[in-house]
Amino acid sequence: MSDILSAKITRYWHILDGKTGKPADKHINSVTIVTKQGKLGDALSTALFVMGVDEAINYWKQNKDENDAFEMILITDDKKIYITENLVDSFTLQDKYKDYHIVVVTL
């Protein structure tokens, strides 16, 4: 087998960590933001992706009562879905994701 075929494949994406200059790697696969302001949602989805789960949850808790409040869903590479409490009733998990664990984020 050639070296090219046996080489480890590393995937990179367009969201960079400003501290390292490298692709953000906080074990988050997806960030969904629900807010009334589209620009805010776009900025938050990128920022929270870079922050990682713990910092993202703390940021949500600190900004919960602000004028620019938002809700979020974080999906991690260890098959966990973190969803803020106000989205739980409108969230349905498809059967193909039944092995994911849902964690409800509350204040």
PDB file of N, CA and C in Angstrom:
ATOM      1  N   MET A   1       0.855  -1.183   0.000  1.00  0.00           N
ATOM      2  CA  MET A   1       0.000   0.000   0.000  1.00  0.00           C
ATOM      3  C   MET A   1       0.891   1.233   0.000  1.00  0.00           C
ATOM      4  N   SER A   2       0.516   2.205  -0.771  1.00  0.00           N
ATOM      5  CA  SER A   2       1.337   3.413  -0.846  1.00  0.00           C
ATOM      6  C   SER A   2       1.202   4.243   0.419  1.00  0.00           C
ATOM      7  N   ASP A   3       2.207   5.089   0.654  1.00  0.00           N
ATOM      8  CA  ASP A   3       2.183   5.962   1.828  1.00  0.00           C
ATOM      9  C   ASP A   3       0.991   6.904   1.805  1.00  0.00           C
ATOM     10  N   ILE A   4       0.597   7.301   0.619  1.00  0.00           N
ATOM     11  CA  ILE A   4      -0.524   8.237   0.494  1.00  0.00           C
ATOM     12  C   ILE A   4      -1.811   7.585   0.994  1.00  0.00           C
ATOM     13  N   LEU A   5      -2.038   6.339   0.654  1.00  0.00           N
ATOM     14  CA  LEU A   5      -3.260   5.666   1.069  1.00  0.00           C
ATOM     15  C   LEU A   5      -3.263   5.305   2.549  1.00  0.00           C
ATOM     16  N   SER A   6      -2.117   5.101   3.139  1.00  0.00           N
ATOM     17  CA  SER A   6      -2.063   4.731   4.547  1.00  0.00           C
ATOM     18  C   SER A   6      -1.888   5.926   5.477  1.00  0.00           C
ATOM     19  N   ALA A   7      -1.757   7.112   4.925  1.00  0.00           N
ATOM     20  CA  ALA A   7      -1.558   8.315   5.742  1.00  0.00           C
ATOM     21  C   ALA A   7      -2.843   8.662   6.492  1.00  0.00           C
ATOM     22  N   LYS A   8      -2.689   9.218   7.671  1.00  0.00           N
ATOM     23  CA  LYS A   8      -3.837   9.666   8.456  1.00  0.00           C
ATOM     24  C   LYS A   8      -4.429  10.902   7.808  1.00  0.00           C
ATOM     25  N   ILE A   9      -5.732  10.930   7.702  1.00  0.00           N
ATOM     26  CA  ILE A   9      -6.419  12.073   7.101  1.00  0.00           C
ATOM     27  C   ILE A   9      -6.856  13.008   8.216  1.00  0.00           C
ATOM     28  N   THR A  10      -6.482  14.270   8.092  1.00  0.00           N
ATOM     29  CA  THR A  10      -6.880  15.299   9.043  1.00  0.00           C
ATOM     30  C   THR A  10      -7.815  16.261   8.331  1.00  0.00           C
ATOM     31  N   ARG A  11      -8.975  16.480   8.925  1.00  0.00           N
ATOM     32  CA  ARG A  11      -9.944  17.415   8.333  1.00  0.00           C
ATOM     33  C   ARG A  11      -9.812  18.777   9.000  1.00  0.00           C
ATOM     34  N   TYR A  12      -9.864  19.804   8.201  1.00  0.00           N
ATOM     35  CA  TYR A  12      -9.820  21.173   8.698  1.00  0.00           C
ATOM     36  C   TYR A  12     -11.081  21.896   8.243  1.00  0.00           C
ATOM     37  N   TRP A  13     -11.496  22.890   8.982  1.00  0.00           N
ATOM     38  CA  TRP A  13     -12.674  23.655   8.612  1.00  0.00           C
ATOM     39  C   TRP A  13     -12.375  25.130   8.741  1.00  0.00           C
ATOM     40  N   HIS A  14     -13.344  25.929   8.384  1.00  0.00           N
ATOM     41  CA  HIS A  14     -13.137  27.368   8.240  1.00  0.00           C
ATOM     42  C   HIS A  14     -13.268  28.162   9.534  1.00  0.00           C
ATOM     43  N   ILE A  15     -13.645  27.542  10.645  1.00  0.00           N
ATOM     44  CA  ILE A  15     -13.781  28.283  11.889  1.00  0.00           C
ATOM     45  C   ILE A  15     -12.459  28.197  12.640  1.00  0.00           C
ATOM     46  N   LEU A  16     -11.804  29.339  12.759  1.00  0.00           N
ATOM     47  CA  LEU A  16     -10.484  29.379  13.377  1.00  0.00           C
ATOM     48  C   LEU A  16     -10.548  29.878  14.809  1.00  0.00           C
ATOM     49  N   ASP A  17      -9.682  29.351  15.635  1.00  0.00           N
ATOM     50  CA  ASP A  17      -9.535  29.803  17.011  1.00  0.00           C
ATOM     51  C   ASP A  17      -8.602  31.006  16.993  1.00  0.00           C
ATOM     52  N   GLY A  18      -9.093  32.157  17.408  1.00  0.00           N
ATOM     53  CA  GLY A  18      -8.302  33.384  17.376  1.00  0.00           C
ATOM     54  C   GLY A  18      -7.059  33.331  18.244  1.00  0.00           C
ATOM     55  N   LYS A  19      -7.056  32.484  19.262  1.00  0.00           N
ATOM     56  CA  LYS A  19      -5.899  32.363  20.151  1.00  0.00           C
ATOM     57  C   LYS A  19      -4.767  31.562  19.519  1.00  0.00           C
ATOM     58  N   THR A  20      -5.129  30.555  18.711  1.00  0.00           N
ATOM     59  CA  THR A  20      -4.105  29.673  18.132  1.00  0.00           C
ATOM     60  C   THR A  20      -3.883  29.897  16.642  1.00  0.00           C
ATOM     61  N   GLY A  21      -4.868  30.478  15.975  1.00  0.00           N
ATOM     62  CA  GLY A  21      -4.782  30.650  14.523  1.00  0.00           C
ATOM     63  C   GLY A  21      -5.050  29.359  13.765  1.00  0.00           C
ATOM     64  N   LYS A  22      -5.405  28.313  14.487  1.00  0.00           N
ATOM     65  CA  LYS A  22      -5.681  27.005  13.884  1.00  0.00           C
ATOM     66  C   LYS A  22      -7.182  26.744  13.911  1.00  0.00           C
ATOM     67  N   PRO A  23      -7.646  25.757  13.140  1.00  0.00           N
ATOM     68  CA  PRO A  23      -9.071  25.427  13.199  1.00  0.00           C
ATOM     69  C   PRO A  23      -9.505  25.108  14.631  1.00  0.00           C
ATOM     70  N   ALA A  24     -10.650  25.635  15.016  1.00  0.00           N
ATOM     71  CA  ALA A  24     -11.181  25.409  16.358  1.00  0.00           C
ATOM     72  C   ALA A  24     -11.432  23.926  16.558  1.00  0.00           C
ATOM     73  N   ASP A  25     -11.004  23.413  17.686  1.00  0.00           N
ATOM     74  CA  ASP A  25     -11.182  21.995  17.959  1.00  0.00           C
ATOM     75  C   ASP A  25     -11.569  21.814  19.422  1.00  0.00           C
ATOM     76  N   LYS A  26     -12.827  22.129  19.721  1.00  0.00           N
ATOM     77  CA  LYS A  26     -13.343  22.006  21.091  1.00  0.00           C
ATOM     78  C   LYS A  26     -14.348  20.871  21.185  1.00  0.00           C
ATOM     79  N   HIS A  27     -14.292  19.936  20.248  1.00  0.00           N
ATOM     80  CA  HIS A  27     -15.128  18.740  20.231  1.00  0.00           C
ATOM     81  C   HIS A  27     -16.607  19.048  20.035  1.00  0.00           C
ATOM     82  N   ILE A  28     -16.884  20.151  19.369  1.00  0.00           N
ATOM     83  CA  ILE A  28     -18.254  20.501  18.988  1.00  0.00           C
ATOM     84  C   ILE A  28     -18.389  20.278  17.491  1.00  0.00           C
ATOM     85  N   ASN A  29     -19.457  19.585  17.106  1.00  0.00           N
ATOM     86  CA  ASN A  29     -19.715  19.354  15.684  1.00  0.00           C
ATOM     87  C   ASN A  29     -20.675  20.374  15.092  1.00  0.00           C
ATOM     88  N   SER A  30     -21.557  20.912  15.929  1.00  0.00           N
ATOM     89  CA  SER A  30     -22.577  21.815  15.415  1.00  0.00           C
ATOM     90  C   SER A  30     -23.055  22.760  16.513  1.00  0.00           C
ATOM     91  N   VAL A  31     -23.325  23.994  16.124  1.00  0.00           N
ATOM     92  CA  VAL A  31     -23.928  24.993  17.014  1.00  0.00           C
ATOM     93  C   VAL A  31     -25.112  25.604  16.287  1.00  0.00           C
ATOM     94  N   THR A  32     -26.269  25.576  16.929  1.00  0.00           N
ATOM     95  CA  THR A  32     -27.466  26.225  16.388  1.00  0.00           C
ATOM     96  C   THR A  32     -27.896  27.289  17.377  1.00  0.00           C
ATOM     97  N   ILE A  33     -28.120  28.488  16.880  1.00  0.00           N
ATOM     98  CA  ILE A  33     -28.558  29.613  17.714  1.00  0.00           C
ATOM     99  C   ILE A  33     -29.949  30.034  17.263  1.00  0.00           C
ATOM    100  N   VAL A  34     -30.824  30.252  18.240  1.00  0.00           N
ATOM    101  CA  VAL A  34     -32.167  30.758  17.963  1.00  0.00           C
ATOM    102  C   VAL A  34     -32.258  32.128  18.608  1.00  0.00           C
ATOM    103  N   THR A  35     -32.472  33.151  17.769  1.00  0.00           N
ATOM    104  CA  THR A  35     -32.566  34.525  18.243  1.00  0.00           C
ATOM    105  C   THR A  35     -33.386  35.322  17.235  1.00  0.00           C
ATOM    106  N   LYS A  36     -33.854  36.471  17.655  1.00  0.00           N
ATOM    107  CA  LYS A  36     -34.622  37.338  16.759  1.00  0.00           C
ATOM    108  C   LYS A  36     -33.723  38.110  15.805  1.00  0.00           C
ATOM    109  N   GLN A  37     -32.439  38.147  16.097  1.00  0.00           N
ATOM    110  CA  GLN A  37     -31.500  38.937  15.297  1.00  0.00           C
ATOM    111  C   GLN A  37     -30.543  38.014  14.531  1.00  0.00           C
ATOM    112  N   GLY A  38     -30.676  37.990  13.220  1.00  0.00           N
ATOM    113  CA  GLY A  38     -29.868  37.105  12.390  1.00  0.00           C
ATOM    114  C   GLY A  38     -28.369  37.313  12.522  1.00  0.00           C
ATOM    115  N   LYS A  39     -27.933  38.564  12.525  1.00  0.00           N
ATOM    116  CA  LYS A  39     -26.494  38.842  12.648  1.00  0.00           C
ATOM    117  C   LYS A  39     -25.946  38.348  13.980  1.00  0.00           C
ATOM    118  N   LEU A  40     -26.726  38.521  15.032  1.00  0.00           N
ATOM    119  CA  LEU A  40     -26.310  38.052  16.347  1.00  0.00           C
ATOM    120  C   LEU A  40     -26.172  36.529  16.339  1.00  0.00           C
ATOM    121  N   GLY A  41     -27.135  35.852  15.755  1.00  0.00           N
ATOM    122  CA  GLY A  41     -27.090  34.398  15.682  1.00  0.00           C
ATOM    123  C   GLY A  41     -25.880  33.895  14.925  1.00  0.00           C
ATOM    124  N   ASP A  42     -25.561  34.546  13.832  1.00  0.00           N
ATOM    125  CA  ASP A  42     -24.392  34.157  13.041  1.00  0.00           C
ATOM    126  C   ASP A  42     -23.112  34.342  13.844  1.00  0.00           C
ATOM    127  N   ALA A  43     -22.978  35.476  14.488  1.00  0.00           N
ATOM    128  CA  ALA A  43     -21.772  35.746  15.285  1.00  0.00           C
ATOM    129  C   ALA A  43     -21.664  34.790  16.470  1.00  0.00           C
ATOM    130  N   LEU A  44     -22.784  34.553  17.146  1.00  0.00           N
ATOM    131  CA  LEU A  44     -22.761  33.673  18.314  1.00  0.00           C
ATOM    132  C   LEU A  44     -22.438  32.233  17.938  1.00  0.00           C
ATOM    133  N   SER A  45     -22.961  31.762  16.822  1.00  0.00           N
ATOM    134  CA  SER A  45     -22.702  30.371  16.452  1.00  0.00           C
ATOM    135  C   SER A  45     -21.207  30.138  16.260  1.00  0.00           C
ATOM    136  N   THR A  46     -20.528  31.085  15.652  1.00  0.00           N
ATOM    137  CA  THR A  46     -19.080  30.952  15.456  1.00  0.00           C
ATOM    138  C   THR A  46     -18.340  31.096  16.785  1.00  0.00           C
ATOM    139  N   ALA A  47     -18.700  32.095  17.565  1.00  0.00           N
ATOM    140  CA  ALA A  47     -18.008  32.332  18.840  1.00  0.00           C
ATOM    141  C   ALA A  47     -18.174  31.157  19.799  1.00  0.00           C
ATOM    142  N   LEU A  48     -19.380  30.623  19.901  1.00  0.00           N
ATOM    143  CA  LEU A  48     -19.621  29.521  20.826  1.00  0.00           C
ATOM    144  C   LEU A  48     -18.950  28.240  20.350  1.00  0.00           C
ATOM    145  N   PHE A  49     -18.845  28.055  19.054  1.00  0.00           N
ATOM    146  CA  PHE A  49     -18.122  26.900  18.499  1.00  0.00           C
ATOM    147  C   PHE A  49     -16.670  26.936  18.961  1.00  0.00           C
ATOM    148  N   VAL A  50     -16.082  28.114  18.930  1.00  0.00           N
ATOM    149  CA  VAL A  50     -14.683  28.279  19.339  1.00  0.00           C
ATOM    150  C   VAL A  50     -14.541  28.147  20.860  1.00  0.00           C
ATOM    151  N   MET A  51     -15.519  28.617  21.615  1.00  0.00           N
ATOM    152  CA  MET A  51     -15.455  28.572  23.082  1.00  0.00           C
ATOM    153  C   MET A  51     -15.445  27.149  23.630  1.00  0.00           C
ATOM    154  N   GLY A  52     -16.217  26.281  23.041  1.00  0.00           N
ATOM    155  CA  GLY A  52     -16.391  24.946  23.595  1.00  0.00           C
ATOM    156  C   GLY A  52     -17.621  24.893  24.481  1.00  0.00           C
ATOM    157  N   VAL A  53     -18.008  23.690  24.873  1.00  0.00           N
ATOM    158  CA  VAL A  53     -19.270  23.475  25.581  1.00  0.00           C
ATOM    159  C   VAL A  53     -19.362  24.252  26.892  1.00  0.00           C
ATOM    160  N   ASP A  54     -18.407  24.091  27.766  1.00  0.00           N
ATOM    161  CA  ASP A  54     -18.501  24.725  29.086  1.00  0.00           C
ATOM    162  C   ASP A  54     -18.563  26.243  29.002  1.00  0.00           C
ATOM    163  N   GLU A  55     -17.703  26.831  28.206  1.00  0.00           N
ATOM    164  CA  GLU A  55     -17.716  28.297  28.064  1.00  0.00           C
ATOM    165  C   GLU A  55     -18.978  28.770  27.374  1.00  0.00           C
ATOM    166  N   ALA A  56     -19.470  28.014  26.398  1.00  0.00           N
ATOM    167  CA  ALA A  56     -20.700  28.390  25.688  1.00  0.00           C
ATOM    168  C   ALA A  56     -21.886  28.391  26.644  1.00  0.00           C
ATOM    169  N   ILE A  57     -21.975  27.368  27.485  1.00  0.00           N
ATOM    170  CA  ILE A  57     -23.065  27.298  28.468  1.00  0.00           C
ATOM    171  C   ILE A  57     -22.964  28.451  29.460  1.00  0.00           C
ATOM    172  N   ASN A  58     -21.780  28.745  29.930  1.00  0.00           N
ATOM    173  CA  ASN A  58     -21.603  29.884  30.850  1.00  0.00           C
ATOM    174  C   ASN A  58     -21.983  31.191  30.179  1.00  0.00           C
ATOM    175  N   TYR A  59     -21.615  31.358  28.918  1.00  0.00           N
ATOM    176  CA  TYR A  59     -21.970  32.581  28.193  1.00  0.00           C
ATOM    177  C   TYR A  59     -23.487  32.705  28.086  1.00  0.00           C
ATOM    178  N   TRP A  60     -24.167  31.606  27.761  1.00  0.00           N
ATOM    179  CA  TRP A  60     -25.626  31.626  27.669  1.00  0.00           C
ATOM    180  C   TRP A  60     -26.237  32.029  29.005  1.00  0.00           C
ATOM    181  N   LYS A  61     -25.745  31.436  30.083  1.00  0.00           N
ATOM    182  CA  LYS A  61     -26.284  31.740  31.413  1.00  0.00           C
ATOM    183  C   LYS A  61     -26.067  33.207  31.787  1.00  0.00           C
ATOM    184  N   GLN A  62     -24.920  33.751  31.445  1.00  0.00           N
ATOM    185  CA  GLN A  62     -24.609  35.143  31.773  1.00  0.00           C
ATOM    186  C   GLN A  62     -25.427  36.128  30.954  1.00  0.00           C
ATOM    187  N   ASN A  63     -25.884  35.720  29.790  1.00  0.00           N
ATOM    188  CA  ASN A  63     -26.598  36.628  28.887  1.00  0.00           C
ATOM    189  C   ASN A  63     -28.068  36.278  28.730  1.00  0.00           C
ATOM    190  N   LYS A  64     -28.587  35.414  29.567  1.00  0.00           N
ATOM    191  CA  LYS A  64     -29.965  34.930  29.454  1.00  0.00           C
ATOM    192  C   LYS A  64     -31.004  36.031  29.542  1.00  0.00           C
ATOM    193  N   ASP A  65     -30.775  37.017  30.376  1.00  0.00           N
ATOM    194  CA  ASP A  65     -31.782  38.052  30.583  1.00  0.00           C
ATOM    195  C   ASP A  65     -31.490  39.356  29.844  1.00  0.00           C
ATOM    196  N   GLU A  66     -30.536  39.328  28.964  1.00  0.00           N
ATOM    197  CA  GLU A  66     -30.189  40.528  28.198  1.00  0.00           C
ATOM    198  C   GLU A  66     -31.209  40.769  27.088  1.00  0.00           C
ATOM    199  N   ASN A  67     -31.181  41.954  26.503  1.00  0.00           N
ATOM    200  CA  ASN A  67     -32.065  42.276  25.380  1.00  0.00           C
ATOM    201  C   ASN A  67     -31.795  41.373  24.187  1.00  0.00           C
ATOM    202  N   ASP A  68     -30.557  40.942  24.054  1.00  0.00           N
ATOM    203  CA  ASP A  68     -30.175  40.088  22.928  1.00  0.00           C
ATOM    204  C   ASP A  68     -30.118  38.619  23.351  1.00  0.00           C
ATOM    205  N   ALA A  69     -31.062  38.188  24.188  1.00  0.00           N
ATOM    206  CA  ALA A  69     -31.080  36.811  24.672  1.00  0.00           C
ATOM    207  C   ALA A  69     -31.194  35.846  23.489  1.00  0.00           C
ATOM    208  N   PHE A  70     -30.691  34.646  23.700  1.00  0.00           N
ATOM    209  CA  PHE A  70     -30.712  33.641  22.644  1.00  0.00           C
ATOM    210  C   PHE A  70     -30.859  32.263  23.267  1.00  0.00           C
ATOM    211  N   GLU A  71     -31.216  31.302  22.448  1.00  0.00           N
ATOM    212  CA  GLU A  71     -31.266  29.898  22.837  1.00  0.00           C
ATOM    213  C   GLU A  71     -30.257  29.168  21.953  1.00  0.00           C
ATOM    214  N   MET A  72     -29.843  27.974  22.383  1.00  0.00           N
ATOM    215  CA  MET A  72     -28.818  27.278  21.604  1.00  0.00           C
ATOM    216  C   MET A  72     -28.942  25.768  21.701  1.00  0.00           C
ATOM    217  N   ILE A  73     -28.389  25.124  20.685  1.00  0.00           N
ATOM    218  CA  ILE A  73     -28.223  23.679  20.648  1.00  0.00           C
ATOM    219  C   ILE A  73     -26.776  23.415  20.263  1.00  0.00           C
ATOM    220  N   LEU A  74     -26.077  22.636  21.077  1.00  0.00           N
ATOM    221  CA  LEU A  74     -24.695  22.252  20.799  1.00  0.00           C
ATOM    222  C   LEU A  74     -24.659  20.742  20.617  1.00  0.00           C
ATOM    223  N   ILE A  75     -24.045  20.278  19.556  1.00  0.00           N
ATOM    224  CA  ILE A  75     -23.885  18.845  19.329  1.00  0.00           C
ATOM    225  C   ILE A  75     -22.398  18.538  19.354  1.00  0.00           C
ATOM    226  N   THR A  76     -22.015  17.605  20.209  1.00  0.00           N
ATOM    227  CA  THR A  76     -20.601  17.297  20.407  1.00  0.00           C
ATOM    228  C   THR A  76     -20.205  15.994  19.709  1.00  0.00           C
ATOM    229  N   ASP A  77     -18.901  15.803  19.582  1.00  0.00           N
ATOM    230  CA  ASP A  77     -18.426  14.603  18.901  1.00  0.00           C
ATOM    231  C   ASP A  77     -18.522  13.344  19.766  1.00  0.00           C
ATOM    232  N   ASP A  78     -18.898  13.493  21.037  1.00  0.00           N
ATOM    233  CA  ASP A  78     -19.129  12.317  21.873  1.00  0.00           C
ATOM    234  C   ASP A  78     -20.624  12.009  21.999  1.00  0.00           C
ATOM    235  N   LYS A  79     -21.391  12.464  21.011  1.00  0.00           N
ATOM    236  CA  LYS A  79     -22.820  12.161  20.856  1.00  0.00           C
ATOM    237  C   LYS A  79     -23.683  12.704  21.987  1.00  0.00           C
ATOM    238  N   LYS A  80     -23.420  13.947  22.357  1.00  0.00           N
ATOM    239  CA  LYS A  80     -24.269  14.643  23.325  1.00  0.00           C
ATOM    240  C   LYS A  80     -24.883  15.853  22.634  1.00  0.00           C
ATOM    241  N   ILE A  81     -26.109  16.130  22.996  1.00  0.00           N
ATOM    242  CA  ILE A  81     -26.813  17.310  22.491  1.00  0.00           C
ATOM    243  C   ILE A  81     -27.177  18.165  23.686  1.00  0.00           C
ATOM    244  N   TYR A  82     -26.581  19.345  23.759  1.00  0.00           N
ATOM    245  CA  TYR A  82     -26.879  20.297  24.818  1.00  0.00           C
ATOM    246  C   TYR A  82     -27.905  21.272  24.264  1.00  0.00           C
ATOM    247  N   ILE A  83     -29.050  21.365  24.927  1.00  0.00           N
ATOM    248  CA  ILE A  83     -30.127  22.216  24.435  1.00  0.00           C
ATOM    249  C   ILE A  83     -30.645  23.078  25.581  1.00  0.00           C
ATOM    250  N   THR A  84     -30.796  24.375  25.326  1.00  0.00           N
ATOM    251  CA  THR A  84     -31.269  25.266  26.379  1.00  0.00           C
ATOM    252  C   THR A  84     -32.749  25.004  26.664  1.00  0.00           C
ATOM    253  N   GLU A  85     -33.106  25.229  27.913  1.00  0.00           N
ATOM    254  CA  GLU A  85     -34.408  24.821  28.427  1.00  0.00           C
ATOM    255  C   GLU A  85     -35.614  25.318  27.636  1.00  0.00           C
ATOM    256  N   ASN A  86     -35.537  26.479  27.035  1.00  0.00           N
ATOM    257  CA  ASN A  86     -36.693  27.021  26.311  1.00  0.00           C
ATOM    258  C   ASN A  86     -36.899  26.400  24.934  1.00  0.00           C
ATOM    259  N   LEU A  87     -35.976  25.561  24.496  1.00  0.00           N
ATOM    260  CA  LEU A  87     -36.131  24.887  23.200  1.00  0.00           C
ATOM    261  C   LEU A  87     -36.590  23.438  23.332  1.00  0.00           C
ATOM    262  N   VAL A  88     -36.553  22.912  24.518  1.00  0.00           N
ATOM    263  CA  VAL A  88     -36.826  21.482  24.720  1.00  0.00           C
ATOM    264  C   VAL A  88     -38.179  21.065  24.159  1.00  0.00           C
ATOM    265  N   ASP A  89     -39.221  21.839  24.408  1.00  0.00           N
ATOM    266  CA  ASP A  89     -40.568  21.458  23.966  1.00  0.00           C
ATOM    267  C   ASP A  89     -40.743  21.494  22.455  1.00  0.00           C
ATOM    268  N   SER A  90     -39.887  22.210  21.753  1.00  0.00           N
ATOM    269  CA  SER A  90     -40.012  22.288  20.296  1.00  0.00           C
ATOM    270  C   SER A  90     -38.930  21.476  19.572  1.00  0.00           C
ATOM    271  N   PHE A  91     -38.233  20.628  20.314  1.00  0.00           N
ATOM    272  CA  PHE A  91     -37.134  19.841  19.757  1.00  0.00           C
ATOM    273  C   PHE A  91     -37.530  18.377  19.669  1.00  0.00           C
ATOM    274  N   THR A  92     -37.314  17.781  18.492  1.00  0.00           N
ATOM    275  CA  THR A  92     -37.580  16.362  18.295  1.00  0.00           C
ATOM    276  C   THR A  92     -36.332  15.721  17.717  1.00  0.00           C
ATOM    277  N   LEU A  93     -35.914  14.662  18.337  1.00  0.00           N
ATOM    278  CA  LEU A  93     -34.731  13.939  17.884  1.00  0.00           C
ATOM    279  C   LEU A  93     -35.160  12.858  16.902  1.00  0.00           C
ATOM    280  N   GLN A  94     -34.554  12.848  15.726  1.00  0.00           N
ATOM    281  CA  GLN A  94     -34.869  11.825  14.732  1.00  0.00           C
ATOM    282  C   GLN A  94     -34.325  10.475  15.168  1.00  0.00           C
ATOM    283  N   ASP A  95     -34.957   9.408  14.714  1.00  0.00           N
ATOM    284  CA  ASP A  95     -34.576   8.049  15.098  1.00  0.00           C
ATOM    285  C   ASP A  95     -33.111   7.730  14.820  1.00  0.00           C
ATOM    286  N   LYS A  96     -32.559   8.270  13.745  1.00  0.00           N
ATOM    287  CA  LYS A  96     -31.174   7.935  13.417  1.00  0.00           C
ATOM    288  C   LYS A  96     -30.177   8.498  14.434  1.00  0.00           C
ATOM    289  N   TYR A  97     -30.633   9.380  15.317  1.00  0.00           N
ATOM    290  CA  TYR A  97     -29.774   9.937  16.361  1.00  0.00           C
ATOM    291  C   TYR A  97     -30.157   9.409  17.749  1.00  0.00           C
ATOM    292  N   LYS A  98     -30.852   8.276  17.805  1.00  0.00           N
ATOM    293  CA  LYS A  98     -31.344   7.757  19.083  1.00  0.00           C
ATOM    294  C   LYS A  98     -30.237   7.401  20.071  1.00  0.00           C
ATOM    295  N   ASP A  99     -29.006   7.238  19.574  1.00  0.00           N
ATOM    296  CA  ASP A  99     -27.902   6.922  20.476  1.00  0.00           C
ATOM    297  C   ASP A  99     -27.235   8.177  21.054  1.00  0.00           C
ATOM    298  N   TYR A 100     -27.772   9.358  20.727  1.00  0.00           N
ATOM    299  CA  TYR A 100     -27.273  10.618  21.298  1.00  0.00           C
ATOM    300  C   TYR A 100     -27.937  10.858  22.646  1.00  0.00           C
ATOM    301  N   HIS A 101     -27.213  11.465  23.549  1.00  0.00           N
ATOM    302  CA  HIS A 101     -27.723  11.790  24.883  1.00  0.00           C
ATOM    303  C   HIS A 101     -28.074  13.271  24.936  1.00  0.00           C
ATOM    304  N   ILE A 102     -29.301  13.588  25.327  1.00  0.00           N
ATOM    305  CA  ILE A 102     -29.736  14.978  25.420  1.00  0.00           C
ATOM    306  C   ILE A 102     -29.486  15.508  26.822  1.00  0.00           C
ATOM    307  N   VAL A 103     -28.834  16.675  26.890  1.00  0.00           N
ATOM    308  CA  VAL A 103     -28.555  17.360  28.149  1.00  0.00           C
ATOM    309  C   VAL A 103     -29.271  18.701  28.095  1.00  0.00           C
ATOM    310  N   VAL A 104     -30.219  18.915  29.003  1.00  0.00           N
ATOM    311  CA  VAL A 104     -30.957  20.174  29.047  1.00  0.00           C
ATOM    312  C   VAL A 104     -30.177  21.172  29.890  1.00  0.00           C
ATOM    313  N   VAL A 105     -29.895  22.323  29.294  1.00  0.00           N
ATOM    314  CA  VAL A 105     -29.123  23.375  29.969  1.00  0.00           C
ATOM    315  C   VAL A 105     -30.126  24.323  30.631  1.00  0.00           C
ATOM    316  N   THR A 106     -29.992  24.464  31.936  1.00  0.00           N
ATOM    317  CA  THR A 106     -30.880  25.340  32.696  1.00  0.00           C
ATOM    318  C   THR A 106     -30.053  26.364  33.474  1.00  0.00           C
ATOM    319  N   LEU A 107     -30.746  27.376  33.968  1.00  0.00           N
ATOM    320  CA  LEU A 107     -30.071  28.365  34.801  1.00  0.00           C
ATOM    321  C   LEU A 107     -29.814  27.735  36.129  1.00  0.00           C
TER     322      LEU A 107
END
